[in-house]
Protein backbone atom coordinates (compact mmCIF):
# COMPACT_ATOMS: atom_id res chain seq x y z
CA UNK A 1 -23.03 -152.73 0.10
CA UNK A 2 -20.08 -153.67 -1.97
CA UNK A 3 -16.85 -151.78 -2.28
CA UNK A 4 -17.73 -150.74 -5.85
CA UNK A 5 -21.00 -149.18 -4.70
CA UNK A 6 -19.35 -147.19 -1.87
CA UNK A 7 -19.60 -143.38 -2.07
CA UNK A 8 -16.54 -141.27 -1.18
CA UNK A 9 -17.38 -138.96 1.73
CA UNK A 10 -15.04 -136.00 2.27
CA UNK A 11 -13.67 -135.90 5.77
CA UNK A 12 -13.83 -132.72 7.84
CA UNK A 13 -10.02 -132.47 7.82
CA UNK A 14 -9.88 -132.42 4.01
CA UNK A 15 -12.45 -129.68 3.82
CA UNK A 16 -10.54 -127.54 6.29
CA UNK A 17 -7.31 -127.98 4.25
CA UNK A 18 -8.97 -126.84 1.04
CA UNK A 19 -10.37 -123.77 2.76
CA UNK A 20 -6.97 -122.88 4.19
CA UNK A 21 -5.31 -123.17 0.77
CA UNK A 22 -7.96 -120.98 -0.82
CA UNK A 23 -7.53 -118.44 1.93
CA UNK A 24 -3.72 -118.41 1.43
CA UNK A 25 -4.08 -117.82 -2.28
CA UNK A 26 -6.37 -114.87 -1.69
CA UNK A 27 -3.99 -113.39 0.86
CA UNK A 28 -1.05 -113.73 -1.54
CA UNK A 29 -2.97 -111.96 -4.27
CA UNK A 30 -3.86 -109.20 -1.86
CA UNK A 31 -0.25 -108.79 -0.79
CA UNK A 32 0.86 -108.57 -4.42
CA UNK A 33 -1.69 -105.87 -5.10
CA UNK A 34 -0.65 -104.06 -1.97
CA UNK A 35 3.03 -104.27 -2.98
CA UNK A 36 2.29 -102.85 -6.40
CA UNK A 37 0.28 -100.10 -4.80
CA UNK A 38 3.12 -99.49 -2.32
CA UNK A 39 5.55 -99.04 -5.23
CA UNK A 40 3.50 -96.07 -6.33
CA UNK A 41 2.59 -94.75 -2.90
CA UNK A 42 4.61 -93.80 0.12
CA UNK A 43 4.13 -95.26 3.60
CA UNK A 44 1.62 -92.55 4.57
CA UNK A 45 -0.50 -93.25 1.50
CA UNK A 46 0.93 -90.44 -0.58
CA UNK A 47 2.11 -91.17 -4.20
CA UNK A 48 5.77 -92.44 -4.33
CA UNK A 49 7.85 -89.67 -5.96
CA UNK A 50 10.91 -91.96 -6.29
CA UNK A 51 9.20 -94.18 -8.89
CA UNK A 52 9.60 -91.70 -11.82
CA UNK A 53 13.26 -91.15 -10.84
CA UNK A 54 13.89 -94.88 -10.97
CA UNK A 55 12.33 -95.05 -14.41
CA UNK A 56 14.45 -92.14 -15.56
CA UNK A 57 17.56 -93.81 -14.15
CA UNK A 58 16.66 -97.00 -15.97
CA UNK A 59 16.11 -95.12 -19.19
CA UNK A 60 19.39 -93.25 -18.75
CA UNK A 61 21.24 -96.51 -18.17
CA UNK A 62 19.61 -98.03 -21.23
CA UNK A 63 20.56 -94.99 -23.31
CA UNK A 64 24.15 -95.13 -22.00
CA UNK A 65 24.37 -98.83 -22.85
CA UNK A 66 23.02 -98.15 -26.35
CA UNK A 67 25.51 -95.30 -26.84
CA UNK A 68 28.35 -97.51 -25.61
CA UNK A 69 27.27 -100.24 -28.02
CA UNK A 70 27.25 -97.73 -30.88
CA UNK A 71 30.73 -96.51 -29.88
CA UNK A 72 32.01 -100.08 -29.77
CA UNK A 73 30.44 -100.74 -33.15
CA UNK A 74 32.16 -97.66 -34.61
CA UNK A 75 35.49 -98.69 -33.06
CA UNK A 76 35.15 -102.22 -34.43
CA UNK A 77 34.32 -100.83 -37.86
CA UNK A 78 37.38 -98.54 -37.72
CA UNK A 79 39.61 -101.45 -36.68
CA UNK A 80 38.25 -103.58 -39.48
CA UNK A 81 38.94 -100.76 -41.94
CA UNK A 82 42.52 -100.41 -40.58
CA UNK A 83 42.99 -104.17 -40.85
CA UNK A 84 41.79 -104.14 -44.45
CA UNK A 85 44.12 -101.23 -45.25
CA UNK A 86 47.05 -102.99 -43.56
CA UNK A 87 46.37 -106.16 -45.50
CA UNK A 88 46.31 -104.16 -48.72
CA UNK A 89 49.62 -102.52 -47.82
CA UNK A 90 51.13 -105.93 -47.04
CA UNK A 91 49.91 -107.24 -50.38
CA UNK A 92 51.47 -104.28 -52.17
CA UNK A 93 54.71 -104.77 -50.20
CA UNK A 94 54.75 -108.45 -51.13
CA UNK A 95 54.34 -107.52 -54.79
CA UNK A 96 57.12 -104.95 -54.47
CA UNK A 97 59.44 -107.46 -52.80
CA UNK A 98 58.67 -110.00 -55.51
CA UNK A 99 59.38 -107.42 -58.21
CA UNK A 100 62.67 -106.35 -56.57
CA UNK A 101 63.70 -109.98 -56.13
CA UNK A 102 63.04 -110.63 -59.81
CA UNK A 103 64.93 -107.47 -60.77
CA UNK A 104 67.89 -108.47 -58.57
CA UNK A 105 68.00 -111.87 -60.23
CA UNK A 106 68.07 -110.21 -63.66
CA UNK A 107 70.81 -107.78 -62.58
CA UNK A 108 72.90 -110.64 -61.18
CA UNK A 109 72.47 -112.58 -64.40
CA UNK A 110 73.42 -109.52 -66.48
CA UNK A 111 76.46 -108.87 -64.27
CA UNK A 112 77.56 -112.49 -64.56
CA UNK A 113 77.23 -112.29 -68.34
CA UNK A 114 79.15 -109.01 -68.32
CA UNK A 115 82.01 -110.53 -66.33
CA UNK A 116 82.13 -113.47 -68.71
CA UNK A 117 82.22 -111.14 -71.73
CA UNK A 118 84.90 -108.95 -70.09
CA UNK A 119 86.98 -112.04 -69.30
CA UNK A 120 86.75 -113.26 -72.87
CA UNK A 121 87.61 -109.79 -74.13
CA UNK A 122 90.68 -109.57 -71.88
CA UNK A 123 91.82 -112.98 -73.03
CA UNK A 124 91.32 -111.91 -76.62
CA UNK A 125 93.29 -108.69 -76.00
CA UNK A 126 96.13 -110.65 -74.41
CA UNK A 127 96.18 -113.10 -77.29
CA UNK A 128 96.24 -110.32 -79.86
CA UNK A 129 98.91 -108.45 -77.89
CA UNK A 130 101.01 -111.61 -77.73
CA UNK A 131 100.54 -112.16 -81.44
CA UNK A 132 101.58 -108.59 -82.19
CA UNK A 133 104.65 -108.90 -79.96
CA UNK A 134 105.69 -112.15 -81.60
CA UNK A 135 105.23 -110.59 -85.02
CA UNK A 136 107.70 -107.87 -84.02
CA UNK A 137 110.17 -110.27 -82.39
CA UNK A 138 110.43 -112.79 -85.23
CA UNK A 139 112.40 -110.41 -87.48
CA UNK A 140 114.90 -109.97 -84.63
CA UNK A 141 115.33 -113.73 -84.41
CA UNK A 142 115.80 -113.92 -88.16
CA UNK A 143 118.56 -111.31 -87.92
CA UNK A 144 120.30 -113.40 -85.26
CA UNK A 145 120.05 -116.46 -87.47
CA UNK A 146 121.60 -114.60 -90.38
CA UNK A 147 124.42 -113.41 -88.11
CA UNK A 148 125.16 -117.01 -87.10
CA UNK A 149 125.16 -118.10 -90.74
CA UNK A 150 128.19 -115.89 -91.46
CA UNK A 151 131.66 -117.37 -91.71
CA UNK A 152 133.49 -118.09 -88.46
CA UNK A 153 136.16 -115.51 -89.21
CA UNK A 154 133.72 -112.70 -89.90
CA UNK A 155 133.05 -109.93 -87.39
CA UNK A 156 129.61 -110.59 -85.86
CA UNK A 157 129.55 -107.49 -83.72
CA UNK A 158 127.98 -105.10 -86.23
CA UNK A 159 125.17 -107.56 -87.00
CA UNK A 160 124.53 -108.30 -83.33
CA UNK A 161 124.50 -104.59 -82.49
CA UNK A 162 121.99 -103.97 -85.27
CA UNK A 163 119.81 -106.83 -84.01
CA UNK A 164 120.00 -105.53 -80.43
CA UNK A 165 118.93 -102.10 -81.63
CA UNK A 166 115.85 -103.61 -83.31
CA UNK A 167 115.07 -105.58 -80.17
CA UNK A 168 115.31 -102.44 -78.02
CA UNK A 169 112.93 -100.68 -80.39
CA UNK A 170 110.38 -103.45 -79.91
CA UNK A 171 110.70 -103.19 -76.12
CA UNK A 172 110.37 -99.41 -76.26
CA UNK A 173 107.17 -99.73 -78.30
CA UNK A 174 105.79 -101.93 -75.49
CA UNK A 175 106.80 -99.33 -72.88
CA UNK A 176 109.65 -101.45 -71.53
CA UNK A 177 112.77 -99.67 -70.29
CA UNK A 178 116.05 -101.15 -69.11
CA UNK A 179 117.17 -100.68 -65.49
CA UNK A 180 120.88 -100.09 -66.04
CA UNK A 181 122.30 -97.88 -63.26
CA UNK A 182 125.68 -96.20 -63.53
CA UNK A 183 128.52 -97.28 -61.21
CA UNK A 184 128.64 -95.07 -58.11
CA UNK A 185 124.84 -94.61 -57.90
CA UNK A 186 123.00 -95.31 -54.67
CA UNK A 187 121.35 -98.70 -54.39
CA UNK A 188 117.56 -98.69 -54.83
CA UNK A 189 116.20 -101.83 -53.10
CA UNK A 190 113.03 -101.64 -55.17
CA UNK A 191 114.91 -101.74 -58.49
CA UNK A 192 118.33 -103.24 -57.69
CA UNK A 193 119.24 -106.70 -56.43
CA UNK A 194 122.61 -106.84 -54.64
CA UNK A 195 124.48 -109.97 -55.67
CA UNK A 196 127.55 -109.43 -53.50
CA UNK A 197 129.74 -106.79 -51.88
CA UNK A 198 133.22 -106.16 -53.22
CA UNK A 199 136.20 -104.13 -52.12
CA UNK A 200 136.15 -101.05 -54.32
CA UNK A 201 137.37 -97.49 -54.38
CA UNK A 202 133.78 -96.35 -54.86
CA UNK A 203 131.88 -94.96 -51.85
CA UNK A 204 130.52 -97.56 -49.46
CA UNK A 205 127.04 -98.75 -50.33
CA UNK A 206 127.12 -97.53 -53.92
CA UNK A 207 126.94 -99.66 -57.04
CA UNK A 208 130.30 -101.01 -58.17
CA UNK A 209 129.11 -102.54 -61.45
CA UNK A 210 126.00 -103.91 -63.12
CA UNK A 211 126.09 -107.66 -63.48
CA UNK A 212 122.82 -107.86 -65.41
CA UNK A 213 120.37 -105.07 -66.28
CA UNK A 214 116.76 -105.20 -65.15
CA UNK A 215 113.55 -104.10 -66.87
CA UNK A 216 110.50 -102.05 -65.89
CA UNK A 217 107.24 -101.36 -67.65
CA UNK A 218 105.55 -98.18 -66.53
CA UNK A 219 105.52 -98.22 -62.71
CA UNK A 220 106.01 -101.97 -62.50
CA UNK A 221 109.43 -103.56 -62.13
CA UNK A 222 109.56 -106.66 -64.33
CA UNK A 223 112.99 -107.72 -63.15
CA UNK A 224 115.54 -106.07 -60.86
CA UNK A 225 119.00 -105.12 -62.05
CA UNK A 226 121.64 -107.46 -60.56
CA UNK A 227 124.50 -105.37 -59.16
CA UNK A 228 127.60 -105.57 -57.00
CA UNK A 229 128.03 -103.04 -54.18
CA UNK A 230 131.19 -101.42 -52.94
CA UNK A 231 132.34 -101.90 -49.34
CA UNK A 232 134.46 -98.77 -49.57
CA UNK A 233 137.57 -100.67 -48.41
CA UNK A 234 139.42 -100.14 -51.67
CA UNK A 235 139.85 -96.41 -51.10
């Protein structure tokens, strides 16, 4: 007989192995059925009363998880709503800041233009004031010229006095007053400049004579009066 014509014959050992495996499978199925039955019955064969409690616990846990998920969902929704509101507020604030920035730029530009206009106006006022002052001073100069045109032997005093009177009128119209203290007055450091001290019969520290009058305009001293002061040693 050739190898191709040989018939496989199962050995006794193989047959015993197959039977053992079949037997193990049946036993495992039986144990599974017994375990399932044991889950519903107690050790003495009575129904297992703990099984419904376990189901209830499982259902309670599932319900708690679902409730927690719903609470988280509500919280997330609330946070998203707050975030949207905050973003809207930030957008409105940004628009407000932009508007205020634009307004500030306009105010600064207006203020700069105002200062420029005020400066030009002040310069114009000063120019007009100077023109008006010159217009009032030129007649005084003309009077002095006419006084000098007189003959050398003529008395110039009356003409000069008249010119000085006109000049004082112009100064008075501008609010200018002469600082011309009387001899014997106390020295005012704010209005008098002491040129030197001289022996005099006047009280010590008082004005002996006025060397040159000063001028003040309102509360402002334009120039101090130059004076000599007595030492009191001439008494």
